PDB file of N, CA and C in Angstrom:
ATOM      1  N   MET A   1      92.423  51.720 136.910  1.00  0.00           N
ATOM      2  CA  MET A   1      91.394  51.508 135.918  1.00  0.00           C
ATOM      3  C   MET A   1      90.651  52.807 135.619  1.00  0.00           C
ATOM      4  N   VAL A   2      90.286  53.537 136.669  1.00  0.00           N
ATOM      5  CA  VAL A   2      89.585  54.800 136.477  1.00  0.00           C
ATOM      6  C   VAL A   2      90.499  55.789 135.752  1.00  0.00           C
ATOM      7  N   MET A   3      91.766  55.787 136.124  1.00  0.00           N
ATOM      8  CA  MET A   3      92.730  56.683 135.474  1.00  0.00           C
ATOM      9  C   MET A   3      92.851  56.359 133.986  1.00  0.00           C
ATOM     10  N   LYS A   4      92.867  55.056 133.687  1.00  0.00           N
ATOM     11  CA  LYS A   4      92.981  54.652 132.280  1.00  0.00           C
ATOM     12  C   LYS A   4      91.765  55.118 131.494  1.00  0.00           C
ATOM     13  N   MET A   5      90.586  54.991 132.051  1.00  0.00           N
ATOM     14  CA  MET A   5      89.365  55.426 131.365  1.00  0.00           C
ATOM     15  C   MET A   5      89.370  56.947 131.180  1.00  0.00           C
ATOM     16  N   GLN A   6      89.818  57.639 132.209  1.00  0.00           N
ATOM     17  CA  GLN A   6      89.875  59.102 132.107  1.00  0.00           C
ATOM     18  C   GLN A   6      90.894  59.510 131.036  1.00  0.00           C
ATOM     19  N   GLN A   7      92.035  58.838 131.008  1.00  0.00           N
ATOM     20  CA  GLN A   7      93.064  59.126 130.004  1.00  0.00           C
ATOM     21  C   GLN A   7      92.538  58.819 128.601  1.00  0.00           C
ATOM     22  N   ASP A   8      91.838  57.716 128.451  1.00  0.00           N
ATOM     23  CA  ASP A   8      91.256  57.361 127.153  1.00  0.00           C
ATOM     24  C   ASP A   8      90.247  58.415 126.698  1.00  0.00           C
ATOM     25  N   ARG A   9      89.447  58.890 127.650  1.00  0.00           N
ATOM     26  CA  ARG A   9      88.468  59.930 127.321  1.00  0.00           C
ATOM     27  C   ARG A   9      89.173  61.219 126.871  1.00  0.00           C
ATOM     28  N   GLU A  10      90.226  61.596 127.587  1.00  0.00           N
ATOM     29  CA  GLU A  10      90.978  62.799 127.217  1.00  0.00           C
ATOM     30  C   GLU A  10      91.616  62.640 125.844  1.00  0.00           C
ATOM     31  N   ASN A  11      92.178  61.471 125.585  1.00  0.00           N
ATOM     32  CA  ASN A  11      92.776  61.216 124.274  1.00  0.00           C
ATOM     33  C   ASN A  11      91.723  61.282 123.174  1.00  0.00           C
ATOM     34  N   SER A  12      90.561  60.723 123.460  1.00  0.00           N
ATOM     35  CA  SER A  12      89.473  60.760 122.487  1.00  0.00           C
ATOM     36  C   SER A  12      89.054  62.205 122.207  1.00  0.00           C
ATOM     37  N   ASN A  13      88.954  62.992 123.275  1.00  0.00           N
ATOM     38  CA  ASN A  13      88.606  64.405 123.102  1.00  0.00           C
ATOM     39  C   ASN A  13      89.670  65.140 122.289  1.00  0.00           C
ATOM     40  N   LEU A  14      90.931  64.844 122.562  1.00  0.00           N
ATOM     41  CA  LEU A  14      92.016  65.482 121.811  1.00  0.00           C
ATOM     42  C   LEU A  14      91.962  65.093 120.341  1.00  0.00           C
ATOM     43  N   GLU A  15      91.668  63.817 120.081  1.00  0.00           N
ATOM     44  CA  GLU A  15      91.567  63.363 118.694  1.00  0.00           C
ATOM     45  C   GLU A  15      90.405  64.043 117.982  1.00  0.00           C
ATOM     46  N   THR A  16      89.327  64.268 118.703  1.00  0.00           N
ATOM     47  CA  THR A  16      88.170  64.954 118.123  1.00  0.00           C
ATOM     48  C   THR A  16      88.499  66.415 117.865  1.00  0.00           C
ATOM     49  N   LEU A  17      89.201  67.029 118.786  1.00  0.00           N
ATOM     50  CA  LEU A  17      89.542  68.445 118.643  1.00  0.00           C
ATOM     51  C   LEU A  17      90.645  68.670 117.617  1.00  0.00           C
ATOM     52  N   ARG A  18      91.506  67.713 117.426  1.00  0.00           N
ATOM     53  CA  ARG A  18      92.652  67.897 116.532  1.00  0.00           C
ATOM     54  C   ARG A  18      92.227  68.229 115.102  1.00  0.00           C
ATOM     55  N   PRO A  19      91.297  67.493 114.490  1.00  0.00           N
ATOM     56  CA  PRO A  19      90.897  67.861 113.131  1.00  0.00           C
ATOM     57  C   PRO A  19      90.343  69.292 113.062  1.00  0.00           C
ATOM     58  N   GLU A  20      89.609  69.691 114.107  1.00  0.00           N
ATOM     59  CA  GLU A  20      89.084  71.056 114.121  1.00  0.00           C
ATOM     60  C   GLU A  20      90.234  72.061 114.204  1.00  0.00           C
ATOM     61  N   ALA A  21      91.220  71.758 115.028  1.00  0.00           N
ATOM     62  CA  ALA A  21      92.388  72.636 115.139  1.00  0.00           C
ATOM     63  C   ALA A  21      93.137  72.678 113.810  1.00  0.00           C
ATOM     64  N   ASP A  22      93.243  71.511 113.159  1.00  0.00           N
ATOM     65  CA  ASP A  22      93.899  71.469 111.849  1.00  0.00           C
ATOM     66  C   ASP A  22      93.147  72.332 110.843  1.00  0.00           C
ATOM     67  N   ARG A  23      91.820  72.246 110.880  1.00  0.00           N
ATOM     68  CA  ARG A  23      91.017  73.058 109.954  1.00  0.00           C
ATOM     69  C   ARG A  23      91.232  74.545 110.217  1.00  0.00           C
ATOM     70  N   ARG A  24      91.284  74.909 111.499  1.00  0.00           N
ATOM     71  CA  ARG A  24      91.515  76.323 111.831  1.00  0.00           C
ATOM     72  C   ARG A  24      92.896  76.773 111.370  1.00  0.00           C
ATOM     73  N   GLU A  25      93.899  75.915 111.586  1.00  0.00           N
ATOM     74  CA  GLU A  25      95.252  76.243 111.136  1.00  0.00           C
ATOM     75  C   GLU A  25      95.292  76.379 109.615  1.00  0.00           C
ATOM     76  N   ASP A  26      94.634  75.445 108.932  1.00  0.00           N
ATOM     77  CA  ASP A  26      94.579  75.513 107.469  1.00  0.00           C
ATOM     78  C   ASP A  26      93.887  76.793 107.009  1.00  0.00           C
ATOM     79  N   ALA A  27      92.788  77.132 107.669  1.00  0.00           N
ATOM     80  CA  ALA A  27      92.063  78.356 107.301  1.00  0.00           C
ATOM     81  C   ALA A  27      92.928  79.583 107.557  1.00  0.00           C
ATOM     82  N   ALA A  28      93.629  79.596 108.676  1.00  0.00           N
ATOM     83  CA  ALA A  28      94.514  80.729 108.984  1.00  0.00           C
ATOM     84  C   ALA A  28      95.647  80.803 107.969  1.00  0.00           C
ATOM     85  N   ARG A  29      96.192  79.653 107.597  1.00  0.00           N
ATOM     86  CA  ARG A  29      97.269  79.611 106.601  1.00  0.00           C
ATOM     87  C   ARG A  29      96.765  80.110 105.244  1.00  0.00           C
ATOM     88  N   ARG A  30      95.552  79.660 104.859  1.00  0.00           N
ATOM     89  CA  ARG A  30      94.979  80.121 103.586  1.00  0.00           C
ATOM     90  C   ARG A  30      94.741  81.627 103.611  1.00  0.00           C
ATOM     91  N   GLU A  31      94.274  82.139 104.741  1.00  0.00           N
ATOM     92  CA  GLU A  31      94.040  83.585 104.873  1.00  0.00           C
ATOM     93  C   GLU A  31      95.360  84.351 104.757  1.00  0.00           C
ATOM     94  N   ASP A  32      96.408  83.836 105.390  1.00  0.00           N
ATOM     95  CA  ASP A  32      97.726  84.474 105.272  1.00  0.00           C
ATOM     96  C   ASP A  32      98.209  84.444 103.824  1.00  0.00           C
ATOM     97  N   ASP A  33      98.024  83.296 103.168  1.00  0.00           N
ATOM     98  CA  ASP A  33      98.418  83.180 101.762  1.00  0.00           C
ATOM     99  C   ASP A  33      97.641  84.166 100.897  1.00  0.00           C
ATOM    100  N   ARG A  34      96.342  84.290 101.178  1.00  0.00           N
ATOM    101  CA  ARG A  34      95.508  85.219 100.412  1.00  0.00           C
ATOM    102  C   ARG A  34      95.992  86.653 100.603  1.00  0.00           C
ATOM    103  N   LYS A  35      96.313  87.002 101.841  1.00  0.00           N
ATOM    104  CA  LYS A  35      96.797  88.360 102.118  1.00  0.00           C
ATOM    105  C   LYS A  35      98.135  88.622 101.432  1.00  0.00           C
ATOM    106  N   GLU A  36      99.029  87.628 101.471  1.00  0.00           N
ATOM    107  CA  GLU A  36     100.320  87.777 100.800  1.00  0.00           C
ATOM    108  C   GLU A  36     100.132  87.945  99.293  1.00  0.00           C
ATOM    109  N   GLU A  37      99.239  87.152  98.721  1.00  0.00           N
ATOM    110  CA  GLU A  37      98.967  87.248  97.282  1.00  0.00           C
ATOM    111  C   GLU A  37      98.373  88.609  96.935  1.00  0.00           C
ATOM    112  N   ALA A  38      97.459  89.095  97.755  1.00  0.00           N
ATOM    113  CA  ALA A  38      96.862  90.414  97.517  1.00  0.00           C
ATOM    114  C   ALA A  38      97.924  91.504  97.609  1.00  0.00           C
ATOM    115  N   ALA A  39      98.822  91.389  98.570  1.00  0.00           N
ATOM    116  CA  ALA A  39      99.898  92.375  98.711  1.00  0.00           C
ATOM    117  C   ALA A  39     100.833  92.317  97.508  1.00  0.00           C
ATOM    118  N   ARG A  40     101.135  91.103  97.047  1.00  0.00           N
ATOM    119  CA  ARG A  40     102.009  90.949  95.878  1.00  0.00           C
ATOM    120  C   ARG A  40     101.360  91.567  94.637  1.00  0.00           C
ATOM    121  N   ARG A  41     100.073  91.311  94.455  1.00  0.00           N
ATOM    122  CA  ARG A  41      99.370  91.874  93.296  1.00  0.00           C
ATOM    123  C   ARG A  41      99.296  93.395  93.378  1.00  0.00           C
ATOM    124  N   ALA A  42      99.074  93.928  94.579  1.00  0.00           N
ATOM    125  CA  ALA A  42      99.032  95.383  94.750  1.00  0.00           C
ATOM    126  C   ALA A  42     100.387  95.988  94.410  1.00  0.00           C
ATOM    127  N   GLU A  43     101.456  95.321  94.826  1.00  0.00           N
ATOM    128  CA  GLU A  43     102.800  95.812  94.507  1.00  0.00           C
ATOM    129  C   GLU A  43     103.044  95.767  93.000  1.00  0.00           C
ATOM    130  N   GLU A  44     102.600  94.693  92.348  1.00  0.00           N
ATOM    131  CA  GLU A  44     102.745  94.599  90.894  1.00  0.00           C
ATOM    132  C   GLU A  44     101.975  95.720  90.197  1.00  0.00           C
ATOM    133  N   ARG A  45     100.757  96.013  90.686  1.00  0.00           N
ATOM    134  CA  ARG A  45      99.973  97.101  90.084  1.00  0.00           C
ATOM    135  C   ARG A  45     100.684  98.441  90.262  1.00  0.00           C
ATOM    136  N   ARG A  46     101.246  98.677  91.454  1.00  0.00           N
ATOM    137  CA  ARG A  46     101.981  99.929  91.685  1.00  0.00           C
ATOM    138  C   ARG A  46     103.195 100.020  90.770  1.00  0.00           C
ATOM    139  N   ASP A  47     103.912  98.896  90.617  1.00  0.00           N
ATOM    140  CA  ASP A  47     105.084  98.884  89.745  1.00  0.00           C
ATOM    141  C   ASP A  47     104.696  99.170  88.295  1.00  0.00           C
ATOM    142  N   LYS A  48     103.611  98.541  87.838  1.00  0.00           N
ATOM    143  CA  LYS A  48     103.160  98.766  86.462  1.00  0.00           C
ATOM    144  C   LYS A  48     102.714 100.211  86.264  1.00  0.00           C
ATOM    145  N   ALA A  49     102.018 100.767  87.248  1.00  0.00           N
ATOM    146  CA  ALA A  49     101.576 102.163  87.151  1.00  0.00           C
ATOM    147  C   ALA A  49     102.777 103.098  87.105  1.00  0.00           C
ATOM    148  N   ALA A  50     103.785 102.828  87.920  1.00  0.00           N
ATOM    149  CA  ALA A  50     104.993 103.656  87.918  1.00  0.00           C
ATOM    150  C   ALA A  50     105.716 103.530  86.580  1.00  0.00           C
ATOM    151  N   GLN A  51     105.749 102.330  86.026  1.00  0.00           N
ATOM    152  CA  GLN A  51     106.391 102.119  84.736  1.00  0.00           C
ATOM    153  C   GLN A  51     105.635 102.866  83.633  1.00  0.00           C
ATOM    154  N   ARG A  52     104.300 102.800  83.653  1.00  0.00           N
ATOM    155  CA  ARG A  52     103.512 103.525  82.647  1.00  0.00           C
ATOM    156  C   ARG A  52     103.730 105.027  82.772  1.00  0.00           C
ATOM    157  N   GLU A  53     103.794 105.520  84.003  1.00  0.00           N
ATOM    158  CA  GLU A  53     104.016 106.948  84.221  1.00  0.00           C
ATOM    159  C   GLU A  53     105.388 107.359  83.688  1.00  0.00           C
ATOM    160  N   GLU A  54     106.395 106.535  83.941  1.00  0.00           N
ATOM    161  CA  GLU A  54     107.746 106.828  83.445  1.00  0.00           C
ATOM    162  C   GLU A  54     107.768 106.818  81.915  1.00  0.00           C
ATOM    163  N   GLU A  55     107.107 105.845  81.309  1.00  0.00           N
ATOM    164  CA  GLU A  55     107.050 105.782  79.846  1.00  0.00           C
ATOM    165  C   GLU A  55     106.330 106.998  79.282  1.00  0.00           C
ATOM    166  N   GLN A  56     105.265 107.436  79.944  1.00  0.00           N
ATOM    167  CA  GLN A  56     104.529 108.628  79.509  1.00  0.00           C
ATOM    168  C   GLN A  56     105.431 109.856  79.562  1.00  0.00           C
ATOM    169  N   LYS A  57     106.191 109.992  80.638  1.00  0.00           N
ATOM    170  CA  LYS A  57     107.116 111.126  80.758  1.00  0.00           C
ATOM    171  C   LYS A  57     108.158 111.094  79.648  1.00  0.00           C
ATOM    172  N   GLU A  58     108.681 109.899  79.358  1.00  0.00           N
ATOM    173  CA  GLU A  58     109.665 109.764  78.284  1.00  0.00           C
ATOM    174  C   GLU A  58     109.060 110.162  76.945  1.00  0.00           C
ATOM    175  N   ARG A  59     107.816 109.739  76.689  1.00  0.00           N
ATOM    176  CA  ARG A  59     107.159 110.116  75.427  1.00  0.00           C
ATOM    177  C   ARG A  59     106.953 111.621  75.348  1.00  0.00           C
ATOM    178  N   GLU A  60     106.571 112.246  76.465  1.00  0.00           N
ATOM    179  CA  GLU A  60     106.374 113.699  76.475  1.00  0.00           C
ATOM    180  C   GLU A  60     107.683 114.429  76.204  1.00  0.00           C
ATOM    181  N   ILE A  61     108.771 113.950  76.795  1.00  0.00           N
ATOM    182  CA  ILE A  61     110.085 114.559  76.552  1.00  0.00           C
ATOM    183  C   ILE A  61     110.466 114.398  75.088  1.00  0.00           C
ATOM    184  N   GLU A  62     110.251 113.200  74.554  1.00  0.00           N
ATOM    185  CA  GLU A  62     110.569 112.944  73.144  1.00  0.00           C
ATOM    186  C   GLU A  62     109.715 113.828  72.229  1.00  0.00           C
ATOM    187  N   ARG A  63     108.427 113.937  72.563  1.00  0.00           N
ATOM    188  CA  ARG A  63     107.518 114.760  71.768  1.00  0.00           C
ATOM    189  C   ARG A  63     107.942 116.231  71.817  1.00  0.00           C
ATOM    190  N   ALA A  64     108.343 116.697  72.990  1.00  0.00           N
ATOM    191  CA  ALA A  64     108.794 118.085  73.123  1.00  0.00           C
ATOM    192  C   ALA A  64     110.043 118.315  72.284  1.00  0.00           C
ATOM    193  N   GLY A  65     110.934 117.332  72.260  1.00  0.00           N
ATOM    194  CA  GLY A  65     112.135 117.444  71.436  1.00  0.00           C
ATOM    195  C   GLY A  65     111.782 117.503  69.962  1.00  0.00           C
ATOM    196  N   CYS A  66     110.829 116.688  69.529  1.00  0.00           N
ATOM    197  CA  CYS A  66     110.396 116.703  68.127  1.00  0.00           C
ATOM    198  C   CYS A  66     109.735 118.038  67.787  1.00  0.00           C
ATOM    199  N   ASP A  67     108.909 118.554  68.699  1.00  0.00           N
ATOM    200  CA  ASP A  67     108.264 119.851  68.470  1.00  0.00           C
ATOM    201  C   ASP A  67     109.306 120.952  68.338  1.00  0.00           C
ATOM    202  N   ARG A  68     110.325 120.907  69.184  1.00  0.00           N
ATOM    203  CA  ARG A  68     111.386 121.915  69.134  1.00  0.00           C
ATOM    204  C   ARG A  68     112.142 121.818  67.806  1.00  0.00           C
ATOM    205  N   GLN A  69     112.457 120.593  67.387  1.00  0.00           N
ATOM    206  CA  GLN A  69     113.148 120.412  66.107  1.00  0.00           C
ATOM    207  C   GLN A  69     112.278 120.911  64.954  1.00  0.00           C
ATOM    208  N   HIS A  70     110.993 120.631  65.022  1.00  0.00           N
ATOM    209  CA  HIS A  70     110.073 121.069  63.977  1.00  0.00           C
ATOM    210  C   HIS A  70     110.033 122.591  63.916  1.00  0.00           C
ATOM    211  N   SER A  71     109.975 123.229  65.070  1.00  0.00           N
ATOM    212  CA  SER A  71     109.954 124.695  65.116  1.00  0.00           C
ATOM    213  C   SER A  71     111.235 125.274  64.539  1.00  0.00           C
ATOM    214  N   GLN A  72     112.360 124.679  64.886  1.00  0.00           N
ATOM    215  CA  GLN A  72     113.639 125.158  64.361  1.00  0.00           C
ATOM    216  C   GLN A  72     113.705 124.973  62.853  1.00  0.00           C
ATOM    217  N   LEU A  73     113.179 123.877  62.366  1.00  0.00           N
ATOM    218  CA  LEU A  73     113.159 123.626  60.926  1.00  0.00           C
ATOM    219  C   LEU A  73     112.285 124.654  60.217  1.00  0.00           C
ATOM    220  N   LEU A  74     111.118 124.951  60.775  1.00  0.00           N
ATOM    221  CA  LEU A  74     110.245 125.965  60.178  1.00  0.00           C
ATOM    222  C   LEU A  74     110.924 127.328  60.146  1.00  0.00           C
ATOM    223  N   LEU A  75     111.591 127.667  61.228  1.00  0.00           N
ATOM    224  CA  LEU A  75     112.301 128.949  61.269  1.00  0.00           C
ATOM    225  C   LEU A  75     113.398 128.989  60.219  1.00  0.00           C
ATOM    226  N   ALA A  76     114.118 127.889  60.060  1.00  0.00           N
ATOM    227  CA  ALA A  76     115.196 127.844  59.078  1.00  0.00           C
ATOM    228  C   ALA A  76     114.642 127.904  57.658  1.00  0.00           C
ATOM    229  N   LEU A  77     113.545 127.218  57.403  1.00  0.00           N
ATOM    230  CA  LEU A  77     112.984 127.175  56.056  1.00  0.00           C
ATOM    231  C   LEU A  77     112.311 128.484  55.654  1.00  0.00           C
ATOM    232  N   PHE A  78     111.592 129.082  56.574  1.00  0.00           N
ATOM    233  CA  PHE A  78     110.781 130.239  56.214  1.00  0.00           C
ATOM    234  C   PHE A  78     111.309 131.543  56.795  1.00  0.00           C
ATOM    235  N   GLY A  79     112.472 131.523  57.352  1.00  0.00           N
ATOM    236  CA  GLY A  79     113.088 132.747  57.843  1.00  0.00           C
ATOM    237  C   GLY A  79     112.303 133.423  58.949  1.00  0.00           C
ATOM    238  N   GLY A  80     111.643 132.656  59.785  1.00  0.00           N
ATOM    239  CA  GLY A  80     110.931 133.260  60.896  1.00  0.00           C
ATOM    240  C   GLY A  80     109.491 133.598  60.581  1.00  0.00           C
ATOM    241  N   ARG A  81     109.060 133.505  59.347  1.00  0.00           N
ATOM    242  CA  ARG A  81     107.667 133.790  58.992  1.00  0.00           C
ATOM    243  C   ARG A  81     107.136 132.633  58.144  1.00  0.00           C
ATOM    244  N   SER A  82     105.957 132.241  58.445  1.00  0.00           N
ATOM    245  CA  SER A  82     105.327 131.171  57.693  1.00  0.00           C
ATOM    246  C   SER A  82     104.741 131.746  56.413  1.00  0.00           C
ATOM    247  N   GLN A  83     104.922 131.052  55.322  1.00  0.00           N
ATOM    248  CA  GLN A  83     104.350 131.509  54.056  1.00  0.00           C
ATOM    249  C   GLN A  83     102.876 131.125  53.957  1.00  0.00           C
ATOM    250  N   LEU A  84     102.417 130.255  54.852  1.00  0.00           N
ATOM    251  CA  LEU A  84     101.024 129.851  54.836  1.00  0.00           C
ATOM    252  C   LEU A  84     100.153 130.806  55.631  1.00  0.00           C
ATOM    253  N   SER A  85     100.766 131.640  56.442  1.00  0.00           N
ATOM    254  CA  SER A  85     100.010 132.506  57.323  1.00  0.00           C
ATOM    255  C   SER A  85     100.714 133.850  57.441  1.00  0.00           C
ATOM    256  N   ALA A  86      99.956 134.878  57.716  1.00  0.00           N
ATOM    257  CA  ALA A  86     100.548 136.196  57.912  1.00  0.00           C
ATOM    258  C   ALA A  86     101.175 136.316  59.290  1.00  0.00           C
ATOM    259  N   HIS A  87     100.917 135.367  60.151  1.00  0.00           N
ATOM    260  CA  HIS A  87     101.456 135.413  61.504  1.00  0.00           C
ATOM    261  C   HIS A  87     102.864 134.835  61.532  1.00  0.00           C
ATOM    262  N   PRO A  88     103.703 135.305  62.459  1.00  0.00           N
ATOM    263  CA  PRO A  88     105.068 134.761  62.556  1.00  0.00           C
ATOM    264  C   PRO A  88     105.028 133.266  62.873  1.00  0.00           C
ATOM    265  N   ALA A  89     106.028 132.593  62.400  1.00  0.00           N
ATOM    266  CA  ALA A  89     106.124 131.154  62.673  1.00  0.00           C
ATOM    267  C   ALA A  89     106.382 130.939  64.162  1.00  0.00           C
ATOM    268  N   ILE A  90     106.170 129.757  64.569  1.00  0.00           N
ATOM    269  CA  ILE A  90     106.320 129.411  65.991  1.00  0.00           C
ATOM    270  C   ILE A  90     107.727 129.714  66.457  1.00  0.00           C
TER     271      ILE A  90
END
């Protein structure tokens, strides 16, 4: 009889502690999820920044090519000297 009462008390204590343990597990799981989401977002930001940097480099290369073509065209049209200026063409 005493053993049964002691066992019932222990079971009652376990039942009381279980919801608290569940809450702690849920909180830990939510914290892990939050950290994973933050890491995923940070990776996305790094990827987007790298993509923007690559696009910027491509635009600079394209712009340099256009500038070079423009300079060659000016040289071909004006024979190395600009008619708008006394200074030599680019």
